[in-house]
Structures are given as structure tokens and as C-alpha cells.
Amino acid sequence: MSAAASPSDKRLARVDVLIVNYNAGAWLARCTRTVRPSGCREPALIVVDNGSTDGSLEAIADKSITVDRAGRNAGFAAGVNRAAASARREYLLILNPDCLIEPADLARLVAELDRHPEAALVSGKVLGQDGLEQRGSRRCLPTPGRIAGELLPLGAEGVDRTHTSPPDRSEEVEAVSGACMLVRRTAFEQVDGMDESYPLHFEDLDLFARLIESGWSLRWVPDARIVHAGGQSSRKRPVAVLWAKHRGLWRYLRNHCSRDWPRWQRPLWFLALTLHAVIKTPVVWTASRFKSAR
């Protein structure tokens, strides 16, 4: 079907899709073709490439895609902010290059924000390639207690909510998957975009927290389906990603949880997170070596 015949065109024409690429391989071209199939004119696509060396950028054949070669890997948050600086439309779809969303599902996300002017950001049900809802598709914002609930068999509520049955209608949530999120440009600019101090991971949760602290809400739409391969850009550097996650969590806790986080606990948390990363490092390194040898 041509773009002119699509009933969702008017909604898609209000969206700039922001993709930060770093060695995503064939997924980048697949991502762009899925969100805007051949023959369609909308939505607009902006790709910031963080110094890829795998030929993924050259595989994009559509010349109407705006490509910004950053030349170096300054991080995901910096890449998103760089892409957003070129965006002019009402809504920004922040989309990982290994994430697939079809135009009809994107139109559902636009419609959800149209129905909820109090909401700054929305996402849908994020599925793995196995068809199962991915961990992180629906989340709570982290707190020390919730992190402990994730790591220890205490029976306490953790961060991830995908172990519960998904609702059959859209709802307000605290956090969604950072792989695919539609945000109002005005809200994004109000909170000064993404915090580039996060090395990798937790920059999305930090954005959610700052939007909520600014009076906005977040939404989740179960009938908007998104497929996320996950880890395509970071699979060759798993140990660096592991440590970046721990540093990101520490920064998040310090930035957003200090009010209900006793000061005497914080050095213990820092030591626990460092120890956890140290213990996990040989496990992650060994697993990556095993996978590369297969």
C-alpha cells in the first residue's frame, strides 16, 4: 500500500524517528525498512552513527534518511540528543537499531499520546525474537529496595513487572523499555533531553524519572507490538557493558533516590555493586568467549 493510501499517514507525519547506530549490522537496515516500508514517505528518519566499522551504515539504501556521522562513539544518550537537535516534529520515536516497529503500531502510540495530553512518553509490548514479552517491557523505577528485591530472594517487589499478566488496555506506568519510546519533543526539551553522563544503560530510566518529577506521566499500550533483538551493538564488549550498567545504576540511585536512602547505607551499596561487578566479570567474559568459539 502506498503512503498516500495509508490511514495512519497523518499521525506518522508528526514523528521524527531517532536511531543511534553503533555496529548494529544488518539490523539497522531492517529497522528502517520496518518502520518505514518501501514506497512510504513517513515517518522521517534520522540516524546518528557513532563511528560504526561494520558496514551497517552503508547498507542503508534509502537516500531520504538523514544520516549524521558522529565519527566516534560518544554514547547512546549523546547520540539521541544529537539526533533530537535535528528534529522538528511534534513526536520523537527513540528507536534502537535492533528494534522493529511497524507503522500501524507506531500510529497506535501516537494516538495514545493524543488521547493523554498529560503523558510525555509511551511505549508498547516489547517482544523478543521468541515472541515472549521481554524483561523490561513494563517496569517500575529503581529504588534500593526494589534492586534488592531483584537480586535477593526476599520476596520483595523488584523492578521488572513482566512476570505479571499484561493488562488488556493501555495504562499509566513508571517505566517502559528504552529500546522503543515515543516522547513529546516539548517534554524532552523541557527536561534537557537525555543525561549524557550515563556511560551506558539507565539513561532511559533517568529520563523517565525526570519526566515524572516534572509533572508528566508515562503510558504503556499492550496492542502496540515491538520486536527487540537486544544487545546487537554491545555483544562484542560484554565486560565493558557490565561495568557500565553498574556505574549507571549507582548514578541513578544517587540522583533519584537520595531522599529515602539513608546516608549510612550508601557506602555499603557502592561496595556491594562493585563486588557484584567483580564477581560477574569472569562469568560474562567466559560466556562471551564460549559463544565466539561456537
C-alpha atoms as a PDB file:
ATOM      1  CA  MET A   1       0.000   0.000   0.000  1.00  0.00           C
ATOM      2  CA  SER A   2       1.344   3.427  -0.850  1.00  0.00           C
ATOM      3  CA  ALA A   3       1.915   6.097   1.766  1.00  0.00           C
ATOM      4  CA  ALA A   4      -0.878   8.218   0.288  1.00  0.00           C
ATOM      5  CA  ALA A   5      -3.423   5.427   0.844  1.00  0.00           C
ATOM      6  CA  SER A   6      -2.432   4.669   4.415  1.00  0.00           C
ATOM      7  CA  PRO A   7      -4.975   5.838   7.015  1.00  0.00           C
ATOM      8  CA  SER A   8      -2.212   6.442   9.574  1.00  0.00           C
ATOM      9  CA  ASP A   9      -0.193   8.880   7.425  1.00  0.00           C
ATOM     10  CA  LYS A  10      -1.281  12.000   9.251  1.00  0.00           C
ATOM     11  CA  ARG A  11      -0.103  10.576  12.540  1.00  0.00           C
ATOM     12  CA  LEU A  12       3.198   9.297  11.160  1.00  0.00           C
ATOM     13  CA  ALA A  13       3.912  12.674   9.565  1.00  0.00           C
ATOM     14  CA  ARG A  14       4.150  14.111  13.076  1.00  0.00           C
ATOM     15  CA  VAL A  15       7.014  11.790  14.051  1.00  0.00           C
ATOM     16  CA  ASP A  16      10.796  12.020  13.721  1.00  0.00           C
ATOM     17  CA  VAL A  17      12.408   8.608  14.291  1.00  0.00           C
ATOM     18  CA  LEU A  18      15.772   8.891  16.066  1.00  0.00           C
ATOM     19  CA  ILE A  19      18.129   5.909  15.675  1.00  0.00           C
ATOM     20  CA  VAL A  20      21.591   5.785  17.234  1.00  0.00           C
ATOM     21  CA  ASN A  21      23.704   3.203  15.424  1.00  0.00           C
ATOM     22  CA  TYR A  22      26.915   1.554  16.517  1.00  0.00           C
ATOM     23  CA  ASN A  23      27.846  -1.617  14.651  1.00  0.00           C
ATOM     24  CA  ALA A  24      24.280  -2.941  14.571  1.00  0.00           C
ATOM     25  CA  GLY A  25      24.999  -4.983  11.459  1.00  0.00           C
ATOM     26  CA  ALA A  26      22.096  -5.902   9.200  1.00  0.00           C
ATOM     27  CA  TRP A  27      19.616  -4.878  11.886  1.00  0.00           C
ATOM     28  CA  LEU A  28      19.939  -1.171  11.084  1.00  0.00           C
ATOM     29  CA  ALA A  29      18.619  -1.530   7.521  1.00  0.00           C
ATOM     30  CA  ARG A  30      15.938  -3.938   8.724  1.00  0.00           C
ATOM     31  CA  CYS A  31      14.887  -1.453  11.413  1.00  0.00           C
ATOM     32  CA  THR A  32      14.498   1.432   8.955  1.00  0.00           C
ATOM     33  CA  ARG A  33      12.644  -0.707   6.393  1.00  0.00           C
ATOM     34  CA  THR A  34      10.185  -1.900   9.036  1.00  0.00           C
ATOM     35  CA  VAL A  35       9.257   1.469  10.497  1.00  0.00           C
ATOM     36  CA  ARG A  36       9.016   2.978   7.003  1.00  0.00           C
ATOM     37  CA  PRO A  37       8.440   0.315   4.338  1.00  0.00           C
ATOM     38  CA  SER A  38       9.414   0.843   0.720  1.00  0.00           C
ATOM     39  CA  GLY A  39       7.156   3.324  -1.031  1.00  0.00           C
ATOM     40  CA  CYS A  40       6.182   5.153   2.163  1.00  0.00           C
ATOM     41  CA  ARG A  41       7.166   8.739   2.854  1.00  0.00           C
ATOM     42  CA  GLU A  42       6.528   8.884   6.588  1.00  0.00           C
ATOM     43  CA  PRO A  43       7.774   8.997   9.306  1.00  0.00           C
ATOM     44  CA  ALA A  44      11.017  10.958   8.931  1.00  0.00           C
ATOM     45  CA  LEU A  45      14.179   9.032   9.877  1.00  0.00           C
ATOM     46  CA  ILE A  46      17.315  10.474  11.476  1.00  0.00           C
ATOM     47  CA  VAL A  47      20.272   8.133  12.026  1.00  0.00           C
ATOM     48  CA  VAL A  48      23.248   9.201  14.132  1.00  0.00           C
ATOM     49  CA  ASP A  49      26.161   6.826  13.591  1.00  0.00           C
ATOM     50  CA  ASN A  50      28.631   6.600  16.472  1.00  0.00           C
ATOM     51  CA  GLY A  51      31.633   5.551  14.412  1.00  0.00           C
ATOM     52  CA  SER A  52      30.481   2.162  13.138  1.00  0.00           C
ATOM     53  CA  THR A  53      33.046  -0.003  11.348  1.00  0.00           C
ATOM     54  CA  ASP A  54      30.857  -2.957  10.325  1.00  0.00           C
ATOM     55  CA  GLY A  55      29.304  -1.543   7.153  1.00  0.00           C
ATOM     56  CA  SER A  56      25.874  -1.229   8.755  1.00  0.00           C
ATOM     57  CA  LEU A  57      25.543   2.409   7.719  1.00  0.00           C
ATOM     58  CA  GLU A  58      26.470   1.697   4.092  1.00  0.00           C
ATOM     59  CA  ALA A  59      23.657  -0.879   3.900  1.00  0.00           C
ATOM     60  CA  ILE A  60      21.040   1.871   4.103  1.00  0.00           C
ATOM     61  CA  ALA A  61      19.871   2.416   0.527  1.00  0.00           C
ATOM     62  CA  ASP A  62      17.152   4.994   1.186  1.00  0.00           C
ATOM     63  CA  LYS A  63      18.683   8.395   0.429  1.00  0.00           C
ATOM     64  CA  SER A  64      15.823  10.248   2.133  1.00  0.00           C
ATOM     65  CA  ILE A  65      17.084   9.069   5.531  1.00  0.00           C
ATOM     66  CA  THR A  66      19.061  11.780   7.290  1.00  0.00           C
ATOM     67  CA  VAL A  67      22.443  10.291   8.252  1.00  0.00           C
ATOM     68  CA  ASP A  68      24.723  12.073  10.718  1.00  0.00           C
ATOM     69  CA  ARG A  69      28.179  10.547  11.050  1.00  0.00           C
ATOM     70  CA  ALA A  70      29.291  11.473  14.558  1.00  0.00           C
ATOM     71  CA  GLY A  71      32.686   9.865  13.923  1.00  0.00           C
ATOM     72  CA  ARG A  72      33.108   8.424  17.398  1.00  0.00           C
ATOM     73  CA  ASN A  73      31.105   6.523  19.988  1.00  0.00           C
ATOM     74  CA  ALA A  74      30.055   9.233  22.443  1.00  0.00           C
ATOM     75  CA  GLY A  75      27.351   7.004  23.901  1.00  0.00           C
ATOM     76  CA  PHE A  76      23.673   6.366  23.393  1.00  0.00           C
ATOM     77  CA  ALA A  77      22.421   9.420  25.302  1.00  0.00           C
ATOM     78  CA  ALA A  78      24.716  11.773  23.402  1.00  0.00           C
ATOM     79  CA  GLY A  79      23.623  10.199  20.126  1.00  0.00           C
ATOM     80  CA  VAL A  80      19.942  10.655  20.951  1.00  0.00           C
ATOM     81  CA  ASN A  81      20.484  14.286  21.932  1.00  0.00           C
ATOM     82  CA  ARG A  82      22.407  14.893  18.722  1.00  0.00           C
ATOM     83  CA  ALA A  83      19.587  13.398  16.650  1.00  0.00           C
ATOM     84  CA  ALA A  84      16.936  15.309  18.621  1.00  0.00           C
ATOM     85  CA  ALA A  85      18.732  18.579  17.874  1.00  0.00           C
ATOM     86  CA  SER A  86      17.917  17.993  14.187  1.00  0.00           C
ATOM     87  CA  ALA A  87      14.317  17.001  14.833  1.00  0.00           C
ATOM     88  CA  ARG A  88      11.472  19.435  14.261  1.00  0.00           C
ATOM     89  CA  ARG A  89       8.335  17.360  14.600  1.00  0.00           C
ATOM     90  CA  GLU A  90       5.890  17.017  17.477  1.00  0.00           C
ATOM     91  CA  TYR A  91       6.877  13.499  18.494  1.00  0.00           C
ATOM     92  CA  LEU A  92      10.264  11.776  18.726  1.00  0.00           C
ATOM     93  CA  LEU A  93      10.480   7.990  18.413  1.00  0.00           C
ATOM     94  CA  ILE A  94      13.713   6.913  20.102  1.00  0.00           C
ATOM     95  CA  LEU A  95      14.369   3.547  18.486  1.00  0.00           C
ATOM     96  CA  ASN A  96      17.223   1.079  18.897  1.00  0.00           C
ATOM     97  CA  PRO A  97      18.642  -0.147  15.575  1.00  0.00           C
ATOM     98  CA  ASP A  98      17.916  -3.747  16.588  1.00  0.00           C
ATOM     99  CA  CYS A  99      14.272  -2.942  17.278  1.00  0.00           C
ATOM    100  CA  LEU A 100      11.368  -3.398  14.841  1.00  0.00           C
ATOM    101  CA  ILE A 101       8.096  -1.475  14.939  1.00  0.00           C
ATOM    102  CA  GLU A 102       5.611  -1.361  12.088  1.00  0.00           C
ATOM    103  CA  PRO A 103       3.815   1.833  11.011  1.00  0.00           C
ATOM    104  CA  ALA A 104       0.425   0.696  12.373  1.00  0.00           C
ATOM    105  CA  ASP A 105       1.904   0.131  15.821  1.00  0.00           C
ATOM    106  CA  LEU A 106       3.673   3.477  15.749  1.00  0.00           C
ATOM    107  CA  ALA A 107       0.356   5.091  14.839  1.00  0.00           C
ATOM    108  CA  ARG A 108      -1.177   3.451  17.934  1.00  0.00           C
ATOM    109  CA  LEU A 109       1.480   5.066  20.113  1.00  0.00           C
ATOM    110  CA  VAL A 110       0.811   8.473  18.548  1.00  0.00           C
ATOM    111  CA  ALA A 111      -2.921   8.030  19.168  1.00  0.00           C
ATOM    112  CA  GLU A 112      -2.245   7.181  22.824  1.00  0.00           C
ATOM    113  CA  LEU A 113      -0.338  10.421  23.404  1.00  0.00           C
ATOM    114  CA  ASP A 114      -3.065  12.321  21.572  1.00  0.00           C
ATOM    115  CA  ARG A 115      -5.625  10.864  23.998  1.00  0.00           C
ATOM    116  CA  HIS A 116      -3.476  11.664  27.029  1.00  0.00           C
ATOM    117  CA  PRO A 117      -2.060  15.194  26.893  1.00  0.00           C
ATOM    118  CA  GLU A 118      -0.718  14.734  30.426  1.00  0.00           C
ATOM    119  CA  ALA A 119       1.594  11.957  29.200  1.00  0.00           C
ATOM    120  CA  ALA A 120       5.079  12.722  27.909  1.00  0.00           C
ATOM    121  CA  LEU A 121       6.084   9.270  26.719  1.00  0.00           C
ATOM    122  CA  VAL A 122       4.581   5.964  25.615  1.00  0.00           C
ATOM    123  CA  SER A 123       5.737   2.529  24.531  1.00  0.00           C
ATOM    124  CA  GLY A 124       4.192  -0.823  23.752  1.00  0.00           C
ATOM    125  CA  LYS A 125       4.671  -4.515  24.425  1.00  0.00           C
ATOM    126  CA  VAL A 126       8.300  -5.328  23.612  1.00  0.00           C
ATOM    127  CA  LEU A 127       8.822  -8.911  22.498  1.00  0.00           C
ATOM    128  CA  GLY A 128      11.962 -10.943  21.981  1.00  0.00           C
ATOM    129  CA  GLN A 129      12.551 -12.874  18.801  1.00  0.00           C
ATOM    130  CA  ASP A 130      10.962 -15.842  20.572  1.00  0.00           C
ATOM    131  CA  GLY A 131       7.663 -13.971  20.738  1.00  0.00           C
ATOM    132  CA  LEU A 132       7.717 -13.645  24.535  1.00  0.00           C
ATOM    133  CA  GLU A 133       7.399 -10.332  26.322  1.00  0.00           C
ATOM    134  CA  GLN A 134      10.891  -9.098  27.062  1.00  0.00           C
ATOM    135  CA  ARG A 135      12.093  -8.306  30.537  1.00  0.00           C
ATOM    136  CA  GLY A 136      11.860  -4.543  30.952  1.00  0.00           C
ATOM    137  CA  SER A 137       8.849  -4.097  28.682  1.00  0.00           C
ATOM    138  CA  ARG A 138       6.929  -2.922  31.784  1.00  0.00           C
ATOM    139  CA  ARG A 139       8.962  -1.678  34.735  1.00  0.00           C
ATOM    140  CA  CYS A 140       8.946   0.214  37.986  1.00  0.00           C
ATOM    141  CA  LEU A 141      11.556   2.871  38.592  1.00  0.00           C
ATOM    142  CA  PRO A 142      14.516   1.525  40.601  1.00  0.00           C
ATOM    143  CA  THR A 143      14.871   2.111  44.321  1.00  0.00           C
ATOM    144  CA  PRO A 144      17.366   0.456  46.685  1.00  0.00           C
ATOM    145  CA  GLY A 145      14.566  -1.780  47.977  1.00  0.00           C
ATOM    146  CA  ARG A 146      13.462  -2.833  44.504  1.00  0.00           C
ATOM    147  CA  ILE A 147      17.032  -3.527  43.412  1.00  0.00           C
ATOM    148  CA  ALA A 148      17.464  -5.726  46.491  1.00  0.00           C
ATOM    149  CA  GLY A 149      14.234  -7.468  45.548  1.00  0.00           C
ATOM    150  CA  GLU A 150      15.696  -8.236  42.113  1.00  0.00           C
ATOM    151  CA  LEU A 151      18.977  -9.612  43.432  1.00  0.00           C
ATOM    152  CA  LEU A 152      17.958 -11.366  46.651  1.00  0.00           C
ATOM    153  CA  PRO A 153      15.248 -13.982  47.380  1.00  0.00           C
ATOM    154  CA  LEU A 154      13.437 -11.664  49.786  1.00  0.00           C
ATOM    155  CA  GLY A 155      10.003 -11.844  48.227  1.00  0.00           C
ATOM    156  CA  ALA A 156      10.042  -8.083  47.764  1.00  0.00           C
ATOM    157  CA  GLU A 157       8.802  -6.320  44.658  1.00  0.00           C
ATOM    158  CA  GLY A 158      11.518  -5.848  42.074  1.00  0.00           C
ATOM    159  CA  VAL A 159      11.823  -3.514  39.112  1.00  0.00           C
ATOM    160  CA  ASP A 160      10.545  -5.779  36.344  1.00  0.00           C
ATOM    161  CA  ARG A 161       6.776  -6.276  36.068  1.00  0.00           C
ATOM    162  CA  THR A 162       6.613  -8.656  33.114  1.00  0.00           C
ATOM    163  CA  HIS A 163       6.147 -11.620  35.439  1.00  0.00           C
ATOM    164  CA  THR A 164       2.601 -10.312  35.970  1.00  0.00           C
ATOM    165  CA  SER A 165      -0.186 -10.716  33.439  1.00  0.00           C
ATOM    166  CA  PRO A 166      -0.234  -7.790  30.987  1.00  0.00           C
ATOM    167  CA  PRO A 167      -3.298  -5.563  31.116  1.00  0.00           C
ATOM    168  CA  ASP A 168      -5.749  -5.729  28.228  1.00  0.00           C
ATOM    169  CA  ARG A 169      -5.860  -1.946  27.824  1.00  0.00           C
ATOM    170  CA  SER A 170      -3.418   0.933  27.984  1.00  0.00           C
ATOM    171  CA  GLU A 171      -2.324   2.129  31.403  1.00  0.00           C
ATOM    172  CA  GLU A 172      -0.046   4.545  33.211  1.00  0.00           C
ATOM    173  CA  VAL A 173       3.333   3.074  34.176  1.00  0.00           C
ATOM    174  CA  GLU A 174       6.545   4.231  35.819  1.00  0.00           C
ATOM    175  CA  ALA A 175       8.928   2.916  33.160  1.00  0.00           C
ATOM    176  CA  VAL A 176       8.957   1.188  29.780  1.00  0.00           C
ATOM    177  CA  SER A 177      11.601  -0.367  27.561  1.00  0.00           C
ATOM    178  CA  GLY A 178      14.203   2.123  26.419  1.00  0.00           C
ATOM    179  CA  ALA A 179      14.508   0.239  23.116  1.00  0.00           C
ATOM    180  CA  CYS A 180      11.439   1.956  21.673  1.00  0.00           C
ATOM    181  CA  MET A 181       9.790   5.008  23.202  1.00  0.00           C
ATOM    182  CA  LEU A 182       7.705   7.783  21.703  1.00  0.00           C
ATOM    183  CA  VAL A 183       8.164  11.095  23.514  1.00  0.00           C
ATOM    184  CA  ARG A 184       6.750  14.577  23.057  1.00  0.00           C
ATOM    185  CA  ARG A 185       9.510  16.828  21.784  1.00  0.00           C
ATOM    186  CA  THR A 186       8.368  19.641  24.084  1.00  0.00           C
ATOM    187  CA  ALA A 187       8.625  17.372  27.147  1.00  0.00           C
ATOM    188  CA  PHE A 188      12.004  16.037  26.020  1.00  0.00           C
ATOM    189  CA  GLU A 189      13.319  19.564  25.633  1.00  0.00           C
ATOM    190  CA  GLN A 190      11.761  20.660  28.939  1.00  0.00           C
ATOM    191  CA  VAL A 191      13.959  18.196  30.850  1.00  0.00           C
ATOM    192  CA  ASP A 192      17.009  18.970  28.654  1.00  0.00           C
ATOM    193  CA  GLY A 193      16.994  15.641  26.850  1.00  0.00           C
ATOM    194  CA  MET A 194      18.989  12.641  27.978  1.00  0.00           C
ATOM    195  CA  ASP A 195      21.733  12.844  30.595  1.00  0.00           C
ATOM    196  CA  GLU A 196      24.975  12.165  28.725  1.00  0.00           C
ATOM    197  CA  SER A 197      26.815  11.405  31.977  1.00  0.00           C
ATOM    198  CA  TYR A 198      25.408   7.870  31.958  1.00  0.00           C
ATOM    199  CA  PRO A 199      28.021   5.630  30.295  1.00  0.00           C
ATOM    200  CA  LEU A 200      25.531   3.052  29.005  1.00  0.00           C
ATOM    201  CA  HIS A 201      22.194   1.879  30.431  1.00  0.00           C
ATOM    202  CA  PHE A 202      19.966   3.667  32.976  1.00  0.00           C
ATOM    203  CA  GLU A 203      19.903   6.806  30.839  1.00  0.00           C
ATOM    204  CA  ASP A 204      16.372   5.793  29.810  1.00  0.00           C
ATOM    205  CA  LEU A 205      15.247   5.275  33.417  1.00  0.00           C
ATOM    206  CA  ASP A 206      16.813   8.588  34.339  1.00  0.00           C
ATOM    207  CA  LEU A 207      14.762  10.249  31.574  1.00  0.00           C
ATOM    208  CA  PHE A 208      11.563   8.623  32.873  1.00  0.00           C
ATOM    209  CA  ALA A 209      12.281   9.751  36.431  1.00  0.00           C
ATOM    210  CA  ARG A 210      12.967  13.348  35.383  1.00  0.00           C
ATOM    211  CA  LEU A 211       9.794  13.492  33.271  1.00  0.00           C
ATOM    212  CA  ILE A 212       7.706  12.232  36.200  1.00  0.00           C
ATOM    213  CA  GLU A 213       9.438  14.652  38.585  1.00  0.00           C
ATOM    214  CA  SER A 214       8.477  17.437  36.143  1.00  0.00           C
ATOM    215  CA  GLY A 215       4.782  16.501  36.380  1.00  0.00           C
ATOM    216  CA  TRP A 216       4.409  14.296  33.309  1.00  0.00           C
ATOM    217  CA  SER A 217       3.142  10.706  33.192  1.00  0.00           C
ATOM    218  CA  LEU A 218       4.134   7.677  31.073  1.00  0.00           C
ATOM    219  CA  ARG A 219       1.847   5.264  29.227  1.00  0.00           C
ATOM    220  CA  TRP A 220       2.038   1.650  28.039  1.00  0.00           C
ATOM    221  CA  VAL A 221      -0.053   0.218  25.173  1.00  0.00           C
ATOM    222  CA  PRO A 222      -0.430  -3.594  25.041  1.00  0.00           C
ATOM    223  CA  ASP A 223      -1.686  -3.790  21.445  1.00  0.00           C
ATOM    224  CA  ALA A 224       1.346  -1.924  20.078  1.00  0.00           C
ATOM    225  CA  ARG A 225       3.792  -4.733  19.337  1.00  0.00           C
ATOM    226  CA  ILE A 226       7.555  -4.195  19.095  1.00  0.00           C
ATOM    227  CA  VAL A 227      10.269  -6.795  18.423  1.00  0.00           C
ATOM    228  CA  HIS A 228      13.666  -6.238  20.034  1.00  0.00           C
ATOM    229  CA  ALA A 229      16.674  -8.448  19.302  1.00  0.00           C
ATOM    230  CA  GLY A 230      18.738  -6.830  22.068  1.00  0.00           C
ATOM    231  CA  GLY A 231      22.470  -6.416  22.513  1.00  0.00           C
ATOM    232  CA  GLN A 232      23.426  -6.219  18.838  1.00  0.00           C
ATOM    233  CA  SER A 233      25.650  -3.160  19.317  1.00  0.00           C
ATOM    234  CA  SER A 234      27.222  -4.298  22.584  1.00  0.00           C
ATOM    235  CA  ARG A 235      27.680  -8.035  22.112  1.00  0.00           C
ATOM    236  CA  LYS A 236      31.397  -7.680  21.324  1.00  0.00           C
ATOM    237  CA  ARG A 237      32.192  -5.814  24.553  1.00  0.00           C
ATOM    238  CA  PRO A 238      30.172  -7.577  27.274  1.00  0.00           C
ATOM    239  CA  VAL A 239      32.552  -6.806  30.156  1.00  0.00           C
ATOM    240  CA  ALA A 240      32.561  -3.081  29.379  1.00  0.00           C
ATOM    241  CA  VAL A 241      28.756  -3.156  29.218  1.00  0.00           C
ATOM    242  CA  LEU A 242      28.583  -4.985  32.564  1.00  0.00           C
ATOM    243  CA  TRP A 243      30.627  -2.302  34.313  1.00  0.00           C
ATOM    244  CA  ALA A 244      28.735   0.487  32.550  1.00  0.00           C
ATOM    245  CA  LYS A 245      25.456  -0.933  33.863  1.00  0.00           C
ATOM    246  CA  HIS A 246      26.754  -0.903  37.428  1.00  0.00           C
ATOM    247  CA  ARG A 247      28.078   2.646  37.108  1.00  0.00           C
ATOM    248  CA  GLY A 248      24.772   3.730  35.591  1.00  0.00           C
ATOM    249  CA  LEU A 249      22.786   2.172  38.438  1.00  0.00           C
ATOM    250  CA  TRP A 250      24.980   3.885  41.017  1.00  0.00           C
ATOM    251  CA  ARG A 251      24.488   7.254  39.321  1.00  0.00           C
ATOM    252  CA  TYR A 252      20.729   6.713  39.089  1.00  0.00           C
ATOM    253  CA  LEU A 253      20.402   5.840  42.770  1.00  0.00           C
ATOM    254  CA  ARG A 254      22.422   8.887  43.813  1.00  0.00           C
ATOM    255  CA  ASN A 255      20.418  11.201  41.536  1.00  0.00           C
ATOM    256  CA  HIS A 256      16.901   9.987  42.247  1.00  0.00           C
ATOM    257  CA  CYS A 257      16.760   8.010  45.491  1.00  0.00           C
ATOM    258  CA  SER A 258      18.665  10.129  47.993  1.00  0.00           C
ATOM    259  CA  ARG A 259      15.569  11.348  49.843  1.00  0.00           C
ATOM    260  CA  ASP A 260      14.553   7.855  51.034  1.00  0.00           C
ATOM    261  CA  TRP A 261      18.041   6.361  51.058  1.00  0.00           C
ATOM    262  CA  PRO A 262      19.868   6.648  54.423  1.00  0.00           C
ATOM    263  CA  ARG A 263      23.364   8.030  54.002  1.00  0.00           C
ATOM    264  CA  TRP A 264      24.932   5.276  56.072  1.00  0.00           C
ATOM    265  CA  GLN A 265      23.717   2.689  53.534  1.00  0.00           C
ATOM    266  CA  ARG A 266      25.322   4.320  50.523  1.00  0.00           C
ATOM    267  CA  PRO A 267      28.949   3.202  51.049  1.00  0.00           C
ATOM    268  CA  LEU A 268      27.648  -0.330  51.591  1.00  0.00           C
ATOM    269  CA  TRP A 269      25.704  -0.139  48.333  1.00  0.00           C
ATOM    270  CA  PHE A 270      28.748   1.143  46.476  1.00  0.00           C
ATOM    271  CA  LEU A 271      30.835  -1.761  47.807  1.00  0.00           C
ATOM    272  CA  ALA A 272      28.072  -4.267  47.021  1.00  0.00           C
ATOM    273  CA  LEU A 273      27.683  -3.049  43.440  1.00  0.00           C
ATOM    274  CA  THR A 274      31.440  -3.089  42.893  1.00  0.00           C
ATOM    275  CA  LEU A 275      31.721  -6.589  44.342  1.00  0.00           C
ATOM    276  CA  HIS A 276      28.822  -7.785  42.198  1.00  0.00           C
ATOM    277  CA  ALA A 277      30.530  -6.447  39.055  1.00  0.00           C
ATOM    278  CA  VAL A 278      33.837  -8.065  40.058  1.00  0.00           C
ATOM    279  CA  ILE A 279      32.161 -11.437  40.606  1.00  0.00           C
ATOM    280  CA  LYS A 280      30.201 -11.234  37.341  1.00  0.00           C
ATOM    281  CA  THR A 281      33.179 -10.156  35.204  1.00  0.00           C
ATOM    282  CA  PRO A 282      34.808 -13.606  34.750  1.00  0.00           C
ATOM    283  CA  VAL A 283      31.380 -15.192  34.244  1.00  0.00           C
ATOM    284  CA  VAL A 284      30.449 -12.741  31.488  1.00  0.00           C
ATOM    285  CA  TRP A 285      33.906 -12.927  29.893  1.00  0.00           C
ATOM    286  CA  THR A 286      33.864 -16.735  29.854  1.00  0.00           C
ATOM    287  CA  ALA A 287      30.359 -16.836  28.395  1.00  0.00           C
ATOM    288  CA  SER A 288      31.332 -14.420  25.622  1.00  0.00           C
ATOM    289  CA  ARG A 289      34.435 -16.464  24.758  1.00  0.00           C
ATOM    290  CA  PHE A 290      32.320 -19.622  24.623  1.00  0.00           C
ATOM    291  CA  LYS A 291      29.793 -18.000  22.273  1.00  0.00           C
ATOM    292  CA  SER A 292      32.526 -16.651  19.969  1.00  0.00           C
ATOM    293  CA  ALA A 293      34.122 -20.099  19.777  1.00  0.00           C
ATOM    294  CA  ARG A 294      30.909 -21.816  18.681  1.00  0.00           C
END
